[in-house]
N, C-alpha and C. Protein backbone atom coordinates (compact mmCIF):
# COMPACT_ATOMS: atom_id res chain seq x y z
N MET A 1 128.52 56.42 72.03
CA MET A 1 129.09 57.67 71.57
C MET A 1 130.22 58.05 72.53
N ALA A 2 131.32 57.46 72.36
CA ALA A 2 132.48 57.71 73.22
C ALA A 2 133.24 58.92 72.69
N LEU A 3 133.64 59.75 73.60
CA LEU A 3 134.40 60.95 73.26
C LEU A 3 135.88 60.64 73.44
N SER A 4 136.64 60.80 72.42
CA SER A 4 138.07 60.50 72.51
C SER A 4 138.87 61.75 72.21
N LEU A 5 140.14 61.71 72.59
CA LEU A 5 141.02 62.85 72.31
C LEU A 5 141.21 63.05 70.81
N HIS A 6 141.17 61.95 70.05
CA HIS A 6 141.31 62.06 68.59
C HIS A 6 140.14 62.83 67.99
N ALA A 7 138.93 62.64 68.57
CA ALA A 7 137.76 63.34 68.06
C ALA A 7 137.85 64.83 68.37
N LEU A 8 138.39 65.17 69.55
CA LEU A 8 138.54 66.57 69.91
C LEU A 8 139.62 67.26 69.09
N SER A 9 140.76 66.63 69.06
CA SER A 9 141.88 67.21 68.32
C SER A 9 142.84 66.08 67.96
N PRO A 10 143.05 65.86 66.68
CA PRO A 10 143.96 64.77 66.29
C PRO A 10 145.37 64.97 66.86
N GLY A 11 145.82 66.19 66.91
CA GLY A 11 147.16 66.45 67.46
C GLY A 11 147.22 66.12 68.94
N LEU A 12 146.15 66.42 69.68
CA LEU A 12 146.11 66.12 71.10
C LEU A 12 146.09 64.61 71.33
N GLY A 13 145.36 63.90 70.50
CA GLY A 13 145.31 62.44 70.60
C GLY A 13 146.67 61.80 70.35
N HIS A 14 147.39 62.30 69.32
CA HIS A 14 148.72 61.75 69.03
C HIS A 14 149.70 62.08 70.17
N ALA A 15 149.60 63.28 70.72
CA ALA A 15 150.50 63.64 71.83
C ALA A 15 150.24 62.75 73.03
N TRP A 16 149.00 62.42 73.28
CA TRP A 16 148.66 61.53 74.42
C TRP A 16 149.25 60.13 74.19
N GLU A 17 149.15 59.65 72.98
CA GLU A 17 149.69 58.32 72.66
C GLU A 17 151.21 58.28 72.78
N ARG A 18 151.89 59.36 72.43
CA ARG A 18 153.35 59.41 72.49
C ARG A 18 153.87 59.60 73.91
N ALA A 19 152.98 60.13 74.83
CA ALA A 19 153.42 60.43 76.19
C ALA A 19 153.69 59.14 76.96
N SER A 20 154.69 59.21 77.82
CA SER A 20 155.02 58.06 78.67
C SER A 20 153.99 57.97 79.79
N PRO A 21 153.90 56.83 80.49
CA PRO A 21 152.95 56.71 81.60
C PRO A 21 153.18 57.78 82.67
N ARG A 22 154.43 58.14 82.92
CA ARG A 22 154.73 59.18 83.91
C ARG A 22 154.18 60.54 83.45
N GLU A 23 154.36 60.87 82.20
CA GLU A 23 153.84 62.14 81.66
C GLU A 23 152.31 62.15 81.68
N ARG A 24 151.71 60.99 81.38
CA ARG A 24 150.25 60.91 81.43
C ARG A 24 149.74 61.15 82.86
N ALA A 25 150.43 60.56 83.83
CA ALA A 25 150.05 60.75 85.23
C ALA A 25 150.17 62.21 85.64
N MET A 26 151.23 62.87 85.16
CA MET A 26 151.42 64.29 85.48
C MET A 26 150.31 65.14 84.83
N ILE A 27 149.93 64.80 83.62
CA ILE A 27 148.86 65.54 82.93
C ILE A 27 147.53 65.34 83.65
N VAL A 28 147.24 64.11 84.04
CA VAL A 28 146.00 63.83 84.78
C VAL A 28 146.02 64.56 86.11
N GLY A 29 147.15 64.54 86.80
CA GLY A 29 147.28 65.25 88.08
C GLY A 29 147.06 66.75 87.91
N ALA A 30 147.66 67.32 86.84
CA ALA A 30 147.47 68.75 86.58
C ALA A 30 146.01 69.06 86.27
N ALA A 31 145.34 68.17 85.52
CA ALA A 31 143.92 68.37 85.21
C ALA A 31 143.07 68.32 86.47
N VAL A 32 143.41 67.41 87.40
CA VAL A 32 142.68 67.31 88.67
C VAL A 32 142.88 68.59 89.49
N VAL A 33 144.12 69.10 89.53
CA VAL A 33 144.40 70.34 90.28
C VAL A 33 143.61 71.50 89.68
N VAL A 34 143.59 71.59 88.36
CA VAL A 34 142.84 72.67 87.69
C VAL A 34 141.34 72.52 87.98
N ALA A 35 140.83 71.28 87.92
CA ALA A 35 139.41 71.06 88.20
C ALA A 35 139.08 71.44 89.65
N LEU A 36 139.94 71.09 90.59
CA LEU A 36 139.71 71.46 91.99
C LEU A 36 139.76 72.98 92.18
N ALA A 37 140.68 73.65 91.49
CA ALA A 37 140.77 75.11 91.58
C ALA A 37 139.50 75.75 91.03
N VAL A 38 139.00 75.21 89.93
CA VAL A 38 137.77 75.74 89.35
C VAL A 38 136.60 75.52 90.29
N LEU A 39 136.48 74.33 90.87
CA LEU A 39 135.41 74.06 91.83
C LEU A 39 135.50 74.97 93.04
N TRP A 40 136.71 75.17 93.54
CA TRP A 40 136.88 76.02 94.71
C TRP A 40 136.48 77.46 94.38
N THR A 41 136.85 77.94 93.22
CA THR A 41 136.57 79.32 92.83
C THR A 41 135.09 79.55 92.55
N TRP A 42 134.45 78.63 91.84
CA TRP A 42 133.07 78.86 91.41
C TRP A 42 132.02 78.20 92.27
N VAL A 43 132.41 77.33 93.19
CA VAL A 43 131.42 76.66 94.04
C VAL A 43 131.68 76.94 95.51
N TRP A 44 132.85 76.57 96.00
CA TRP A 44 133.11 76.64 97.45
C TRP A 44 133.17 78.07 97.96
N GLN A 45 133.88 78.96 97.26
CA GLN A 45 133.99 80.35 97.70
C GLN A 45 132.62 81.04 97.76
N PRO A 46 131.76 80.94 96.74
CA PRO A 46 130.45 81.57 96.84
C PRO A 46 129.59 81.00 97.98
N ILE A 47 129.71 79.69 98.22
CA ILE A 47 128.95 79.10 99.32
C ILE A 47 129.40 79.70 100.65
N ASN A 48 130.72 79.78 100.85
CA ASN A 48 131.24 80.36 102.09
C ASN A 48 130.85 81.83 102.23
N ALA A 49 130.89 82.57 101.13
CA ALA A 49 130.49 83.99 101.18
C ALA A 49 129.02 84.11 101.54
N ASP A 50 128.17 83.24 100.99
CA ASP A 50 126.74 83.27 101.31
C ASP A 50 126.49 82.91 102.77
N ILE A 51 127.23 81.94 103.28
CA ILE A 51 127.07 81.56 104.69
C ILE A 51 127.44 82.73 105.59
N ALA A 52 128.55 83.40 105.29
CA ALA A 52 128.96 84.56 106.09
C ALA A 52 127.92 85.67 106.03
N ARG A 53 127.38 85.92 104.84
CA ARG A 53 126.37 86.97 104.69
C ARG A 53 125.11 86.62 105.47
N LEU A 54 124.68 85.37 105.38
CA LEU A 54 123.48 84.96 106.11
C LEU A 54 123.68 85.04 107.62
N GLN A 55 124.86 84.67 108.10
CA GLN A 55 125.13 84.79 109.54
C GLN A 55 125.13 86.25 109.97
N ARG A 56 125.61 87.13 109.10
CA ARG A 56 125.63 88.56 109.40
C ARG A 56 124.21 89.14 109.40
N ASP A 57 123.35 88.64 108.49
CA ASP A 57 122.00 89.18 108.36
C ASP A 57 120.99 88.55 109.31
N LEU A 58 121.33 87.44 109.94
CA LEU A 58 120.39 86.73 110.79
C LEU A 58 119.86 87.58 111.95
N PRO A 59 120.70 88.32 112.71
CA PRO A 59 120.15 89.14 113.80
C PRO A 59 119.13 90.18 113.31
N ARG A 60 119.40 90.76 112.15
CA ARG A 60 118.45 91.74 111.59
C ARG A 60 117.14 91.06 111.24
N ALA A 61 117.21 89.87 110.66
CA ALA A 61 115.99 89.14 110.31
C ALA A 61 115.18 88.80 111.56
N HIS A 62 115.87 88.43 112.64
CA HIS A 62 115.17 88.16 113.90
C HIS A 62 114.50 89.42 114.43
N SER A 63 115.19 90.56 114.29
CA SER A 63 114.62 91.83 114.74
C SER A 63 113.38 92.19 113.93
N VAL A 64 113.44 92.01 112.63
CA VAL A 64 112.29 92.30 111.77
C VAL A 64 111.12 91.38 112.13
N LEU A 65 111.42 90.12 112.38
CA LEU A 65 110.37 89.17 112.77
C LEU A 65 109.73 89.57 114.09
N ALA A 66 110.53 89.98 115.06
CA ALA A 66 109.99 90.40 116.36
C ALA A 66 109.11 91.63 116.20
N THR A 67 109.54 92.57 115.37
CA THR A 67 108.74 93.78 115.12
C THR A 67 107.42 93.42 114.44
N ALA A 68 107.48 92.54 113.47
CA ALA A 68 106.26 92.13 112.77
C ALA A 68 105.29 91.44 113.72
N ARG A 69 105.82 90.59 114.60
CA ARG A 69 104.95 89.93 115.58
C ARG A 69 104.32 90.93 116.53
N ALA A 70 105.10 91.92 116.98
CA ALA A 70 104.57 92.94 117.88
C ALA A 70 103.48 93.76 117.18
N GLN A 71 103.70 94.08 115.92
CA GLN A 71 102.68 94.83 115.17
C GLN A 71 101.43 94.00 114.96
N ALA A 72 101.60 92.71 114.71
CA ALA A 72 100.43 91.84 114.55
C ALA A 72 99.64 91.76 115.85
N ASN A 73 100.34 91.68 116.98
CA ASN A 73 99.65 91.65 118.27
C ASN A 73 98.94 92.98 118.54
N ALA A 74 99.58 94.09 118.19
CA ALA A 74 98.95 95.40 118.38
C ALA A 74 97.72 95.53 117.49
N LEU A 75 97.80 95.03 116.27
CA LEU A 75 96.66 95.07 115.36
C LEU A 75 95.51 94.23 115.89
N ALA A 76 95.82 93.06 116.41
CA ALA A 76 94.77 92.21 116.98
C ALA A 76 94.13 92.88 118.19
N ALA A 77 94.94 93.53 119.02
CA ALA A 77 94.39 94.24 120.18
C ALA A 77 93.53 95.41 119.73
N LEU A 78 93.95 96.10 118.69
CA LEU A 78 93.18 97.23 118.17
C LEU A 78 91.84 96.75 117.61
N GLN A 79 91.84 95.61 116.95
CA GLN A 79 90.59 95.07 116.41
C GLN A 79 89.66 94.66 117.54
N ARG A 80 90.21 94.08 118.60
CA ARG A 80 89.37 93.72 119.75
C ARG A 80 88.79 94.97 120.41
N THR A 81 89.60 96.02 120.48
CA THR A 81 89.14 97.27 121.09
C THR A 81 88.04 97.90 120.24
N SER A 82 88.22 97.89 118.93
CA SER A 82 87.24 98.54 118.06
C SER A 82 85.94 97.74 118.02
N ALA A 83 86.02 96.44 118.29
CA ALA A 83 84.80 95.64 118.29
C ALA A 83 83.87 96.08 119.41
N SER A 84 84.46 96.60 120.47
CA SER A 84 83.63 97.06 121.59
C SER A 84 83.64 98.59 121.63
N ALA A 85 83.27 99.21 120.53
CA ALA A 85 83.25 100.66 120.44
C ALA A 85 82.27 101.23 121.46
N LYS A 86 82.67 102.35 122.09
CA LYS A 86 81.89 102.91 123.20
C LYS A 86 80.67 103.68 122.71
N SER A 87 80.81 104.43 121.67
CA SER A 87 79.73 105.30 121.22
C SER A 87 79.11 104.75 119.95
N THR A 88 77.78 104.81 119.87
CA THR A 88 77.13 104.35 118.65
C THR A 88 76.98 105.49 117.64
N ASP A 89 77.03 106.73 118.11
CA ASP A 89 76.91 107.89 117.23
C ASP A 89 78.30 108.36 116.83
N PRO A 90 78.66 108.21 115.55
CA PRO A 90 80.02 108.60 115.15
C PRO A 90 80.28 110.10 115.29
N ARG A 91 79.25 110.91 115.07
CA ARG A 91 79.45 112.37 115.19
C ARG A 91 79.78 112.74 116.63
N ALA A 92 79.06 112.15 117.58
CA ALA A 92 79.32 112.44 118.99
C ALA A 92 80.74 112.00 119.37
N ALA A 93 81.14 110.85 118.86
CA ALA A 93 82.49 110.36 119.17
C ALA A 93 83.55 111.31 118.63
N VAL A 94 83.38 111.76 117.39
CA VAL A 94 84.34 112.68 116.79
C VAL A 94 84.35 114.01 117.54
N GLU A 95 83.17 114.53 117.85
CA GLU A 95 83.08 115.80 118.60
C GLU A 95 83.79 115.68 119.95
N ARG A 96 83.58 114.56 120.64
CA ARG A 96 84.18 114.36 121.96
C ARG A 96 85.70 114.32 121.86
N VAL A 97 86.23 113.56 120.91
CA VAL A 97 87.69 113.44 120.78
C VAL A 97 88.29 114.75 120.28
N LEU A 98 87.61 115.45 119.40
CA LEU A 98 88.10 116.76 118.96
C LEU A 98 88.19 117.72 120.14
N ALA A 99 87.19 117.71 121.01
CA ALA A 99 87.21 118.58 122.18
C ALA A 99 88.32 118.18 123.14
N GLU A 100 88.49 116.87 123.35
CA GLU A 100 89.55 116.39 124.25
C GLU A 100 90.93 116.81 123.75
N ARG A 101 91.12 116.80 122.46
CA ARG A 101 92.42 117.11 121.86
C ARG A 101 92.60 118.60 121.57
N GLY A 102 91.56 119.39 121.79
CA GLY A 102 91.64 120.82 121.52
C GLY A 102 91.71 121.15 120.04
N LEU A 103 91.15 120.28 119.21
CA LEU A 103 91.20 120.49 117.76
C LEU A 103 89.87 120.99 117.18
N ARG A 104 88.86 121.18 118.00
CA ARG A 104 87.55 121.61 117.49
C ARG A 104 87.62 122.92 116.72
N PRO A 105 88.38 123.93 117.19
CA PRO A 105 88.46 125.18 116.43
C PRO A 105 89.13 125.02 115.05
N ALA A 106 89.96 124.00 114.88
CA ALA A 106 90.66 123.82 113.61
C ALA A 106 89.78 123.19 112.54
N VAL A 107 88.63 122.62 112.93
CA VAL A 107 87.74 121.96 111.97
C VAL A 107 86.98 123.01 111.18
N THR A 108 87.06 122.92 109.85
CA THR A 108 86.31 123.85 109.01
C THR A 108 85.01 123.23 108.50
N ALA A 109 84.92 121.90 108.49
CA ALA A 109 83.68 121.24 108.07
C ALA A 109 83.60 119.88 108.76
N LEU A 110 82.37 119.57 109.23
CA LEU A 110 82.10 118.29 109.87
C LEU A 110 80.73 117.84 109.38
N ASP A 111 80.70 116.70 108.70
CA ASP A 111 79.46 116.22 108.11
C ASP A 111 79.34 114.73 108.36
N VAL A 112 78.13 114.27 108.69
CA VAL A 112 77.88 112.84 108.89
C VAL A 112 76.86 112.40 107.86
N GLN A 113 77.21 111.32 107.15
CA GLN A 113 76.31 110.81 106.12
C GLN A 113 76.56 109.31 105.98
N ASP A 114 75.50 108.52 106.07
CA ASP A 114 75.57 107.07 105.93
C ASP A 114 76.56 106.43 106.90
N GLY A 115 76.61 106.93 108.12
CA GLY A 115 77.50 106.36 109.12
C GLY A 115 78.96 106.75 108.93
N ARG A 116 79.23 107.64 108.01
CA ARG A 116 80.60 108.11 107.75
C ARG A 116 80.70 109.57 108.16
N VAL A 117 81.81 109.91 108.77
CA VAL A 117 82.05 111.28 109.19
C VAL A 117 83.09 111.88 108.26
N ARG A 118 82.75 113.03 107.69
CA ARG A 118 83.69 113.75 106.82
C ARG A 118 84.18 114.98 107.57
N LEU A 119 85.49 115.06 107.73
CA LEU A 119 86.13 116.16 108.45
C LEU A 119 87.04 116.92 107.51
N THR A 120 87.07 118.21 107.66
CA THR A 120 88.01 119.02 106.89
C THR A 120 88.72 119.96 107.84
N PHE A 121 90.02 119.97 107.74
CA PHE A 121 90.86 120.90 108.50
C PHE A 121 91.56 121.79 107.48
N ALA A 122 91.43 123.11 107.63
CA ALA A 122 92.16 124.02 106.73
C ALA A 122 93.64 123.97 107.05
N ALA A 123 93.97 123.89 108.33
CA ALA A 123 95.36 123.78 108.75
C ALA A 123 95.39 123.08 110.10
N VAL A 124 96.14 122.00 110.18
CA VAL A 124 96.27 121.26 111.42
C VAL A 124 97.67 120.66 111.46
N ARG A 125 98.25 120.60 112.67
CA ARG A 125 99.57 119.97 112.81
C ARG A 125 99.44 118.49 112.50
N PHE A 126 100.37 117.98 111.74
CA PHE A 126 100.33 116.58 111.31
C PHE A 126 100.34 115.64 112.51
N ASP A 127 101.19 115.91 113.50
CA ASP A 127 101.26 115.03 114.66
C ASP A 127 99.95 115.05 115.46
N ALA A 128 99.28 116.20 115.52
CA ALA A 128 97.99 116.27 116.21
C ALA A 128 96.93 115.49 115.44
N LEU A 129 96.99 115.54 114.12
CA LEU A 129 96.05 114.78 113.28
C LEU A 129 96.23 113.28 113.49
N ILE A 130 97.46 112.82 113.52
CA ILE A 130 97.74 111.40 113.75
C ILE A 130 97.27 110.98 115.13
N ALA A 131 97.50 111.81 116.13
CA ALA A 131 97.03 111.50 117.49
C ALA A 131 95.51 111.43 117.54
N LEU A 132 94.83 112.32 116.81
CA LEU A 132 93.37 112.29 116.73
C LEU A 132 92.89 110.99 116.11
N LEU A 133 93.48 110.60 114.99
CA LEU A 133 93.08 109.36 114.32
C LEU A 133 93.34 108.15 115.20
N ASP A 134 94.44 108.15 115.92
CA ASP A 134 94.75 107.05 116.82
C ASP A 134 93.73 106.97 117.95
N ALA A 135 93.38 108.12 118.54
CA ALA A 135 92.40 108.14 119.63
C ALA A 135 91.03 107.68 119.14
N LEU A 136 90.62 108.12 117.96
CA LEU A 136 89.32 107.69 117.43
C LEU A 136 89.30 106.19 117.15
N ALA A 137 90.39 105.65 116.67
CA ALA A 137 90.45 104.21 116.39
C ALA A 137 90.42 103.41 117.68
N ARG A 138 91.15 103.86 118.68
CA ARG A 138 91.23 103.11 119.94
C ARG A 138 89.95 103.20 120.76
N THR A 139 89.38 104.38 120.85
CA THR A 139 88.23 104.54 121.74
C THR A 139 86.89 104.24 121.09
N ASP A 140 86.75 104.53 119.80
CA ASP A 140 85.44 104.40 119.18
C ASP A 140 85.44 103.55 117.91
N GLY A 141 86.56 103.03 117.53
CA GLY A 141 86.61 102.17 116.36
C GLY A 141 86.44 102.91 115.04
N LEU A 142 86.63 104.20 115.04
CA LEU A 142 86.53 104.98 113.80
C LEU A 142 87.91 105.05 113.16
N ARG A 143 87.95 104.70 111.89
CA ARG A 143 89.22 104.70 111.15
C ARG A 143 89.07 105.52 109.88
N ALA A 144 90.17 106.05 109.43
CA ALA A 144 90.17 106.81 108.18
C ALA A 144 90.03 105.84 107.01
N VAL A 145 88.97 106.00 106.24
CA VAL A 145 88.79 105.17 105.05
C VAL A 145 89.17 105.94 103.79
N ASP A 146 89.29 107.25 103.93
CA ASP A 146 89.73 108.09 102.82
C ASP A 146 90.39 109.32 103.44
N ALA A 147 91.52 109.71 102.89
CA ALA A 147 92.23 110.88 103.41
C ALA A 147 92.94 111.59 102.28
N VAL A 148 92.81 112.89 102.28
CA VAL A 148 93.55 113.73 101.34
C VAL A 148 94.30 114.73 102.19
N LEU A 149 95.63 114.67 102.11
CA LEU A 149 96.48 115.57 102.88
C LEU A 149 97.32 116.39 101.92
N ALA A 150 97.43 117.68 102.24
CA ALA A 150 98.26 118.56 101.43
C ALA A 150 99.14 119.37 102.37
N ALA A 151 100.40 119.44 102.07
CA ALA A 151 101.34 120.19 102.90
C ALA A 151 101.01 121.67 102.84
N ARG A 152 101.15 122.32 103.97
CA ARG A 152 100.97 123.76 104.05
C ARG A 152 102.33 124.43 104.09
N VAL A 153 102.35 125.75 104.01
CA VAL A 153 103.61 126.49 104.04
C VAL A 153 104.28 126.35 105.40
N GLU A 154 103.50 126.36 106.47
CA GLU A 154 104.05 126.23 107.81
C GLU A 154 104.59 124.82 107.99
N PRO A 155 105.81 124.66 108.46
CA PRO A 155 106.39 123.32 108.63
C PRO A 155 105.55 122.47 109.60
N GLY A 156 105.29 121.24 109.22
CA GLY A 156 104.55 120.31 110.07
C GLY A 156 103.05 120.47 110.03
N THR A 157 102.56 121.35 109.16
CA THR A 157 101.12 121.62 109.08
C THR A 157 100.58 121.12 107.75
N VAL A 158 99.37 120.56 107.80
CA VAL A 158 98.74 120.04 106.58
C VAL A 158 97.30 120.51 106.48
N ARG A 159 96.77 120.48 105.27
CA ARG A 159 95.34 120.63 105.04
C ARG A 159 94.84 119.20 104.91
N ALA A 160 93.77 118.85 105.62
CA ALA A 160 93.32 117.47 105.65
C ALA A 160 91.83 117.37 105.39
N GLU A 161 91.49 116.44 104.51
CA GLU A 161 90.09 116.07 104.27
C GLU A 161 90.00 114.58 104.58
N LEU A 162 89.25 114.23 105.61
CA LEU A 162 89.19 112.85 106.08
C LEU A 162 87.77 112.31 106.00
N THR A 163 87.66 111.02 105.72
CA THR A 163 86.40 110.31 105.84
C THR A 163 86.64 109.18 106.82
N LEU A 164 85.86 109.16 107.90
CA LEU A 164 86.03 108.18 108.95
C LEU A 164 84.82 107.24 108.96
N ALA A 165 85.07 105.98 109.24
CA ALA A 165 83.98 105.00 109.32
C ALA A 165 84.42 103.87 110.25
N ARG A 166 83.41 103.09 110.68
CA ARG A 166 83.73 101.92 111.51
C ARG A 166 83.94 100.72 110.64
């Protein structure tokens, strides 16, 4: 199944036959130049643009990787710390950390059931709540397994219902 100029266009086939060898060479040369221009536009330029973009994005990717590795190491350290929890009574641990942080007066309900501690704060500063959760996780291996937070009118203050467990 050979494709010929006559099959594409009879007029094009006749023009090719009438052309001199010099004209044929010029037509082939022009077709090669057009083909190279098309390749450069649709292949080479996008490749170069992608290479430049990747070189530009590489430092950021290295930074993200370093951050992810640091977080993985911190998580592993946190798991090792929680494995050796100091207190066996979760209520005592929560009471101790609440007292250390000065948050005991802010607690409106504290209940222990099935090894889970349920805490309710009517109003507590969000940053103090996060510090409390971090301290409980680091010192006693207690983590929030359920949390309901609602913004309060006072900026930076939330209503919090937490369930903590090991």
